[in-house]
Amino acid sequence: VSLVTGEAFGSPNCVRLSYAASEEELRTAIDR
């Protein structure tokens, strides 16, 4: 599963997750 480090956005304690994806992909990705 690919996410983006928050360091790139000036917040090193966080990660960014886009939910511009299908419900099936979102459920599977977050379970993984």
ModelCIF file with pLDDT and N, C-alpha, C, O atoms, coordinates in Angstrom:
data_MODEL
#
_entry.id   MODEL 
#
_entity.id                         1 
_entity.type                       polymer 
_entity.pdbx_number_of_molecules   1 
#
_entity_poly.entity_id                      1 
_entity_poly.type                           'polypeptide(L)' 
_entity_poly.nstd_linkage                   no 
_entity_poly.nstd_monomer                   no 
_entity_poly.pdbx_seq_one_letter_code       VSLVTGEAFGSPNCVRLSYAASEEELRTAIDR 
_entity_poly.pdbx_seq_one_letter_code_can   VSLVTGEAFGSPNCVRLSYAASEEELRTAIDR 
_entity_poly.pdbx_strand_id                 A 
#
loop_
_entity_poly_seq.entity_id 
_entity_poly_seq.num 
_entity_poly_seq.mon_id 
_entity_poly_seq.hetero 
1 1  VAL n 
1 2  SER n 
1 3  LEU n 
1 4  VAL n 
1 5  THR n 
1 6  GLY n 
1 7  GLU n 
1 8  ALA n 
1 9  PHE n 
1 10 GLY n 
1 11 SER n 
1 12 PRO n 
1 13 ASN n 
1 14 CYS n 
1 15 VAL n 
1 16 ARG n 
1 17 LEU n 
1 18 SER n 
1 19 TYR n 
1 20 ALA n 
1 21 ALA n 
1 22 SER n 
1 23 GLU n 
1 24 GLU n 
1 25 GLU n 
1 26 LEU n 
1 27 ARG n 
1 28 THR n 
1 29 ALA n 
1 30 ILE n 
1 31 ASP n 
1 32 ARG n 
#
_struct_asym.id          A 
_struct_asym.entity_id   1 
#
loop_
_ma_qa_metric.id 
_ma_qa_metric.mode 
_ma_qa_metric.name 
_ma_qa_metric.software_group_id 
_ma_qa_metric.type 
1 global pLDDT . pLDDT 
2 local  pLDDT . pLDDT 
#
_ma_qa_metric_global.metric_id      1 
_ma_qa_metric_global.metric_value   96.12 
_ma_qa_metric_global.model_id       1 
_ma_qa_metric_global.ordinal_id     1 
#
loop_
_ma_qa_metric_local.label_asym_id 
_ma_qa_metric_local.label_comp_id 
_ma_qa_metric_local.label_seq_id 
_ma_qa_metric_local.metric_id 
_ma_qa_metric_local.metric_value 
_ma_qa_metric_local.model_id 
_ma_qa_metric_local.ordinal_id 
A VAL 1  2 96.00 1 1  
A SER 2  2 94.00 1 2  
A LEU 3  2 96.00 1 3  
A VAL 4  2 94.00 1 4  
A THR 5  2 95.00 1 5  
A GLY 6  2 96.00 1 6  
A GLU 7  2 94.00 1 7  
A ALA 8  2 92.00 1 8  
A PHE 9  2 96.00 1 9  
A GLY 10 2 96.00 1 10 
A SER 11 2 96.00 1 11 
A PRO 12 2 95.00 1 12 
A ASN 13 2 97.00 1 13 
A CYS 14 2 97.00 1 14 
A VAL 15 2 97.00 1 15 
A ARG 16 2 97.00 1 16 
A LEU 17 2 97.00 1 17 
A SER 18 2 96.00 1 18 
A TYR 19 2 97.00 1 19 
A ALA 20 2 96.00 1 20 
A ALA 21 2 95.00 1 21 
A SER 22 2 95.00 1 22 
A GLU 23 2 96.00 1 23 
A GLU 24 2 96.00 1 24 
A GLU 25 2 96.00 1 25 
A LEU 26 2 97.00 1 26 
A ARG 27 2 98.00 1 27 
A THR 28 2 98.00 1 28 
A ALA 29 2 97.00 1 29 
A ILE 30 2 98.00 1 30 
A ASP 31 2 98.00 1 31 
A ARG 32 2 98.00 1 32 
#
loop_
_atom_site.group_PDB 
_atom_site.id 
_atom_site.type_symbol 
_atom_site.label_atom_id 
_atom_site.label_alt_id 
_atom_site.label_comp_id 
_atom_site.label_asym_id 
_atom_site.label_entity_id 
_atom_site.label_seq_id 
_atom_site.pdbx_PDB_ins_code 
_atom_site.Cartn_x 
_atom_site.Cartn_y 
_atom_site.Cartn_z 
_atom_site.occupancy 
_atom_site.B_iso_or_equiv 
_atom_site.pdbx_formal_charge 
_atom_site.auth_seq_id 
_atom_site.auth_comp_id 
_atom_site.auth_asym_id 
_atom_site.auth_atom_id 
_atom_site.pdbx_PDB_model_num 
ATOM 1   N N  . VAL A 1 1  ? 0.869   -1.182 0.000  1.00 96.00 ? 1  VAL A N  1 
ATOM 2   C CA . VAL A 1 1  ? 0.000   0.000  0.000  1.00 96.00 ? 1  VAL A CA 1 
ATOM 3   C C  . VAL A 1 1  ? 0.903   1.228  0.000  1.00 96.00 ? 1  VAL A C  1 
ATOM 4   O O  . VAL A 1 1  ? 1.805   1.337  0.831  1.00 96.00 ? 1  VAL A O  1 
ATOM 5   N N  . SER A 1 2  ? 0.665   2.149  -0.925 1.00 94.00 ? 2  SER A N  1 
ATOM 6   C CA . SER A 1 2  ? 1.499   3.352  -0.985 1.00 94.00 ? 2  SER A CA 1 
ATOM 7   C C  . SER A 1 2  ? 0.776   4.546  -0.366 1.00 94.00 ? 2  SER A C  1 
ATOM 8   O O  . SER A 1 2  ? -0.341  4.894  -0.748 1.00 94.00 ? 2  SER A O  1 
ATOM 9   N N  . LEU A 1 3  ? 1.456   5.158  0.606  1.00 96.00 ? 3  LEU A N  1 
ATOM 10  C CA . LEU A 1 3  ? 1.021   6.390  1.249  1.00 96.00 ? 3  LEU A CA 1 
ATOM 11  C C  . LEU A 1 3  ? 2.140   7.413  1.048  1.00 96.00 ? 3  LEU A C  1 
ATOM 12  O O  . LEU A 1 3  ? 3.151   7.100  0.419  1.00 96.00 ? 3  LEU A O  1 
ATOM 13  N N  . VAL A 1 4  ? 1.977   8.621  1.567  1.00 94.00 ? 4  VAL A N  1 
ATOM 14  C CA . VAL A 1 4  ? 3.023   9.629  1.438  1.00 94.00 ? 4  VAL A CA 1 
ATOM 15  C C  . VAL A 1 4  ? 3.412   10.126 2.830  1.00 94.00 ? 4  VAL A C  1 
ATOM 16  O O  . VAL A 1 4  ? 2.551   10.401 3.665  1.00 94.00 ? 4  VAL A O  1 
ATOM 17  N N  . THR A 1 5  ? 4.705   10.234 3.063  1.00 95.00 ? 5  THR A N  1 
ATOM 18  C CA . THR A 1 5  ? 5.185   10.720 4.353  1.00 95.00 ? 5  THR A CA 1 
ATOM 19  C C  . THR A 1 5  ? 4.766   12.155 4.619  1.00 95.00 ? 5  THR A C  1 
ATOM 20  O O  . THR A 1 5  ? 4.775   13.000 3.725  1.00 95.00 ? 5  THR A O  1 
ATOM 21  N N  . GLY A 1 6  ? 4.398   12.411 5.866  1.00 96.00 ? 6  GLY A N  1 
ATOM 22  C CA . GLY A 1 6  ? 4.033   13.765 6.252  1.00 96.00 ? 6  GLY A CA 1 
ATOM 23  C C  . GLY A 1 6  ? 5.193   14.734 6.236  1.00 96.00 ? 6  GLY A C  1 
ATOM 24  O O  . GLY A 1 6  ? 4.986   15.948 6.217  1.00 96.00 ? 6  GLY A O  1 
ATOM 25  N N  . GLU A 1 7  ? 6.432   14.213 6.244  1.00 94.00 ? 7  GLU A N  1 
ATOM 26  C CA . GLU A 1 7  ? 7.596   15.088 6.168  1.00 94.00 ? 7  GLU A CA 1 
ATOM 27  C C  . GLU A 1 7  ? 7.536   15.971 4.923  1.00 94.00 ? 7  GLU A C  1 
ATOM 28  O O  . GLU A 1 7  ? 7.978   17.119 4.944  1.00 94.00 ? 7  GLU A O  1 
ATOM 29  N N  . ALA A 1 8  ? 6.985   15.422 3.837  1.00 92.00 ? 8  ALA A N  1 
ATOM 30  C CA . ALA A 1 8  ? 6.894   16.178 2.587  1.00 92.00 ? 8  ALA A CA 1 
ATOM 31  C C  . ALA A 1 8  ? 5.927   17.351 2.694  1.00 92.00 ? 8  ALA A C  1 
ATOM 32  O O  . ALA A 1 8  ? 5.983   18.285 1.894  1.00 92.00 ? 8  ALA A O  1 
ATOM 33  N N  . PHE A 1 9  ? 5.037   17.298 3.687  1.00 96.00 ? 9  PHE A N  1 
ATOM 34  C CA . PHE A 1 9  ? 4.024   18.345 3.865  1.00 96.00 ? 9  PHE A CA 1 
ATOM 35  C C  . PHE A 1 9  ? 4.321   19.221 5.079  1.00 96.00 ? 9  PHE A C  1 
ATOM 36  O O  . PHE A 1 9  ? 3.496   20.045 5.473  1.00 96.00 ? 9  PHE A O  1 
ATOM 37  N N  . GLY A 1 10 ? 5.503   19.040 5.669  1.00 96.00 ? 10 GLY A N  1 
ATOM 38  C CA . GLY A 1 10 ? 5.879   19.847 6.820  1.00 96.00 ? 10 GLY A CA 1 
ATOM 39  C C  . GLY A 1 10 ? 5.390   19.321 8.143  1.00 96.00 ? 10 GLY A C  1 
ATOM 40  O O  . GLY A 1 10 ? 5.437   20.041 9.140  1.00 96.00 ? 10 GLY A O  1 
ATOM 41  N N  . SER A 1 11 ? 4.908   18.057 8.192  1.00 96.00 ? 11 SER A N  1 
ATOM 42  C CA . SER A 1 11 ? 4.414   17.458 9.433  1.00 96.00 ? 11 SER A CA 1 
ATOM 43  C C  . SER A 1 11 ? 4.982   16.048 9.577  1.00 96.00 ? 11 SER A C  1 
ATOM 44  O O  . SER A 1 11 ? 4.353   15.077 9.157  1.00 96.00 ? 11 SER A O  1 
ATOM 45  N N  . PRO A 1 12 ? 6.170   15.935 10.169 1.00 95.00 ? 12 PRO A N  1 
ATOM 46  C CA . PRO A 1 12 ? 6.894   14.661 10.162 1.00 95.00 ? 12 PRO A CA 1 
ATOM 47  C C  . PRO A 1 12 ? 6.275   13.542 10.978 1.00 95.00 ? 12 PRO A C  1 
ATOM 48  O O  . PRO A 1 12 ? 6.727   12.401 10.881 1.00 95.00 ? 12 PRO A O  1 
ATOM 49  N N  . ASN A 1 13 ? 5.254   13.828 11.781 1.00 97.00 ? 13 ASN A N  1 
ATOM 50  C CA . ASN A 1 13 ? 4.621   12.763 12.568 1.00 97.00 ? 13 ASN A CA 1 
ATOM 51  C C  . ASN A 1 13 ? 3.455   12.093 11.842 1.00 97.00 ? 13 ASN A C  1 
ATOM 52  O O  . ASN A 1 13 ? 2.827   11.177 12.374 1.00 97.00 ? 13 ASN A O  1 
ATOM 53  N N  . CYS A 1 14 ? 3.171   12.555 10.625 1.00 97.00 ? 14 CYS A N  1 
ATOM 54  C CA . CYS A 1 14 ? 1.956   12.113 9.950  1.00 97.00 ? 14 CYS A CA 1 
ATOM 55  C C  . CYS A 1 14 ? 2.249   11.431 8.613  1.00 97.00 ? 14 CYS A C  1 
ATOM 56  O O  . CYS A 1 14 ? 3.360   11.502 8.088  1.00 97.00 ? 14 CYS A O  1 
ATOM 57  N N  . VAL A 1 15 ? 1.225   10.774 8.082  1.00 97.00 ? 15 VAL A N  1 
ATOM 58  C CA . VAL A 1 15 ? 1.250   10.279 6.706  1.00 97.00 ? 15 VAL A CA 1 
ATOM 59  C C  . VAL A 1 15 ? -0.032  10.741 6.026  1.00 97.00 ? 15 VAL A C  1 
ATOM 60  O O  . VAL A 1 15 ? -1.053  10.959 6.678  1.00 97.00 ? 15 VAL A O  1 
ATOM 61  N N  . ARG A 1 16 ? 0.036   10.887 4.704  1.00 97.00 ? 16 ARG A N  1 
ATOM 62  C CA . ARG A 1 16 ? -1.169  11.251 3.962  1.00 97.00 ? 16 ARG A CA 1 
ATOM 63  C C  . ARG A 1 16 ? -1.716  10.044 3.228  1.00 97.00 ? 16 ARG A C  1 
ATOM 64  O O  . ARG A 1 16 ? -0.987  9.313  2.559  1.00 97.00 ? 16 ARG A O  1 
ATOM 65  N N  . LEU A 1 17 ? -3.006  9.856  3.369  1.00 97.00 ? 17 LEU A N  1 
ATOM 66  C CA . LEU A 1 17 ? -3.727  8.776  2.695  1.00 97.00 ? 17 LEU A CA 1 
ATOM 67  C C  . LEU A 1 17 ? -4.842  9.386  1.873  1.00 97.00 ? 17 LEU A C  1 
ATOM 68  O O  . LEU A 1 17 ? -5.671  10.126 2.402  1.00 97.00 ? 17 LEU A O  1 
ATOM 69  N N  . SER A 1 18 ? -4.873  9.085  0.587  1.00 96.00 ? 18 SER A N  1 
ATOM 70  C CA . SER A 1 18 ? -5.953  9.562  -0.281 1.00 96.00 ? 18 SER A CA 1 
ATOM 71  C C  . SER A 1 18 ? -7.062  8.527  -0.330 1.00 96.00 ? 18 SER A C  1 
ATOM 72  O O  . SER A 1 18 ? -6.800  7.339  -0.519 1.00 96.00 ? 18 SER A O  1 
ATOM 73  N N  . TYR A 1 19 ? -8.303  8.973  -0.159 1.00 97.00 ? 19 TYR A N  1 
ATOM 74  C CA . TYR A 1 19 ? -9.409  8.025  -0.302 1.00 97.00 ? 19 TYR A CA 1 
ATOM 75  C C  . TYR A 1 19 ? -10.148 8.224  -1.629 1.00 97.00 ? 19 TYR A C  1 
ATOM 76  O O  . TYR A 1 19 ? -11.337 7.932  -1.749 1.00 97.00 ? 19 TYR A O  1 
ATOM 77  N N  . ALA A 1 20 ? -9.411  8.727  -2.614 1.00 96.00 ? 20 ALA A N  1 
ATOM 78  C CA . ALA A 1 20 ? -9.938  8.781  -3.982 1.00 96.00 ? 20 ALA A CA 1 
ATOM 79  C C  . ALA A 1 20 ? -9.699  7.415  -4.637 1.00 96.00 ? 20 ALA A C  1 
ATOM 80  O O  . ALA A 1 20 ? -8.940  7.285  -5.597 1.00 96.00 ? 20 ALA A O  1 
ATOM 81  N N  . ALA A 1 21 ? -10.364 6.421  -4.092 1.00 95.00 ? 21 ALA A N  1 
ATOM 82  C CA . ALA A 1 21 ? -10.238 5.036  -4.555 1.00 95.00 ? 21 ALA A CA 1 
ATOM 83  C C  . ALA A 1 21 ? -11.555 4.333  -4.265 1.00 95.00 ? 21 ALA A C  1 
ATOM 84  O O  . ALA A 1 21 ? -12.400 4.858  -3.541 1.00 95.00 ? 21 ALA A O  1 
ATOM 85  N N  . SER A 1 22 ? -11.726 3.152  -4.828 1.00 95.00 ? 22 SER A N  1 
ATOM 86  C CA . SER A 1 22 ? -12.983 2.427  -4.640 1.00 95.00 ? 22 SER A CA 1 
ATOM 87  C C  . SER A 1 22 ? -13.104 1.916  -3.210 1.00 95.00 ? 22 SER A C  1 
ATOM 88  O O  . SER A 1 22 ? -12.103 1.768  -2.508 1.00 95.00 ? 22 SER A O  1 
ATOM 89  N N  . GLU A 1 23 ? -14.334 1.648  -2.784 1.00 96.00 ? 23 GLU A N  1 
ATOM 90  C CA . GLU A 1 23 ? -14.552 1.125  -1.432 1.00 96.00 ? 23 GLU A CA 1 
ATOM 91  C C  . GLU A 1 23 ? -13.802 -0.191 -1.235 1.00 96.00 ? 23 GLU A C  1 
ATOM 92  O O  . GLU A 1 23 ? -13.222 -0.422 -0.174 1.00 96.00 ? 23 GLU A O  1 
ATOM 93  N N  . GLU A 1 24 ? -13.812 -1.035 -2.228 1.00 96.00 ? 24 GLU A N  1 
ATOM 94  C CA . GLU A 1 24 ? -13.112 -2.321 -2.119 1.00 96.00 ? 24 GLU A CA 1 
ATOM 95  C C  . GLU A 1 24 ? -11.611 -2.099 -1.911 1.00 96.00 ? 24 GLU A C  1 
ATOM 96  O O  . GLU A 1 24 ? -10.998 -2.732 -1.051 1.00 96.00 ? 24 GLU A O  1 
ATOM 97  N N  . GLU A 1 25 ? -11.023 -1.193 -2.707 1.00 96.00 ? 25 GLU A N  1 
ATOM 98  C CA . GLU A 1 25 ? -9.593  -0.906 -2.559 1.00 96.00 ? 25 GLU A CA 1 
ATOM 99  C C  . GLU A 1 25 ? -9.295  -0.323 -1.182 1.00 96.00 ? 25 GLU A C  1 
ATOM 100 O O  . GLU A 1 25 ? -8.300  -0.687 -0.556 1.00 96.00 ? 25 GLU A O  1 
ATOM 101 N N  . LEU A 1 26 ? -10.144 0.572  -0.713 1.00 97.00 ? 26 LEU A N  1 
ATOM 102 C CA . LEU A 1 26 ? -9.918  1.207  0.581  1.00 97.00 ? 26 LEU A CA 1 
ATOM 103 C C  . LEU A 1 26 ? -9.990  0.195  1.714  1.00 97.00 ? 26 LEU A C  1 
ATOM 104 O O  . LEU A 1 26 ? -9.144  0.191  2.608  1.00 97.00 ? 26 LEU A O  1 
ATOM 105 N N  . ARG A 1 27 ? -11.003 -0.662 1.671  1.00 98.00 ? 27 ARG A N  1 
ATOM 106 C CA . ARG A 1 27 ? -11.130 -1.685 2.719  1.00 98.00 ? 27 ARG A CA 1 
ATOM 107 C C  . ARG A 1 27 ? -9.921  -2.628 2.715  1.00 98.00 ? 27 ARG A C  1 
ATOM 108 O O  . ARG A 1 27 ? -9.355  -2.939 3.763  1.00 98.00 ? 27 ARG A O  1 
ATOM 109 N N  . THR A 1 28 ? -9.544  -3.073 1.520  1.00 98.00 ? 28 THR A N  1 
ATOM 110 C CA . THR A 1 28 ? -8.420  -4.004 1.402  1.00 98.00 ? 28 THR A CA 1 
ATOM 111 C C  . THR A 1 28 ? -7.120  -3.351 1.844  1.00 98.00 ? 28 THR A C  1 
ATOM 112 O O  . THR A 1 28 ? -6.337  -3.945 2.585  1.00 98.00 ? 28 THR A O  1 
ATOM 113 N N  . ALA A 1 29 ? -6.894  -2.124 1.384  1.00 97.00 ? 29 ALA A N  1 
ATOM 114 C CA . ALA A 1 29 ? -5.649  -1.424 1.709  1.00 97.00 ? 29 ALA A CA 1 
ATOM 115 C C  . ALA A 1 29 ? -5.504  -1.205 3.206  1.00 97.00 ? 29 ALA A C  1 
ATOM 116 O O  . ALA A 1 29 ? -4.440  -1.463 3.768  1.00 97.00 ? 29 ALA A O  1 
ATOM 117 N N  . ILE A 1 30 ? -6.553  -0.735 3.855  1.00 98.00 ? 30 ILE A N  1 
ATOM 118 C CA . ILE A 1 30 ? -6.457  -0.431 5.282  1.00 98.00 ? 30 ILE A CA 1 
ATOM 119 C C  . ILE A 1 30 ? -6.345  -1.714 6.097  1.00 98.00 ? 30 ILE A C  1 
ATOM 120 O O  . ILE A 1 30 ? -5.684  -1.726 7.135  1.00 98.00 ? 30 ILE A O  1 
ATOM 121 N N  . ASP A 1 31 ? -6.967  -2.775 5.654  1.00 98.00 ? 31 ASP A N  1 
ATOM 122 C CA . ASP A 1 31 ? -6.803  -4.075 6.315  1.00 98.00 ? 31 ASP A CA 1 
ATOM 123 C C  . ASP A 1 31 ? -5.346  -4.542 6.220  1.00 98.00 ? 31 ASP A C  1 
ATOM 124 O O  . ASP A 1 31 ? -4.780  -5.040 7.193  1.00 98.00 ? 31 ASP A O  1 
ATOM 125 N N  . ARG A 1 32 ? -4.750  -4.374 5.037  1.00 98.00 ? 32 ARG A N  1 
ATOM 126 C CA . ARG A 1 32 ? -3.338  -4.740 4.861  1.00 98.00 ? 32 ARG A CA 1 
ATOM 127 C C  . ARG A 1 32 ? -2.436  -3.908 5.774  1.00 98.00 ? 32 ARG A C  1 
ATOM 128 O O  . ARG A 1 32 ? -1.217  -4.080 5.760  1.00 98.00 ? 32 ARG A O  1 
#
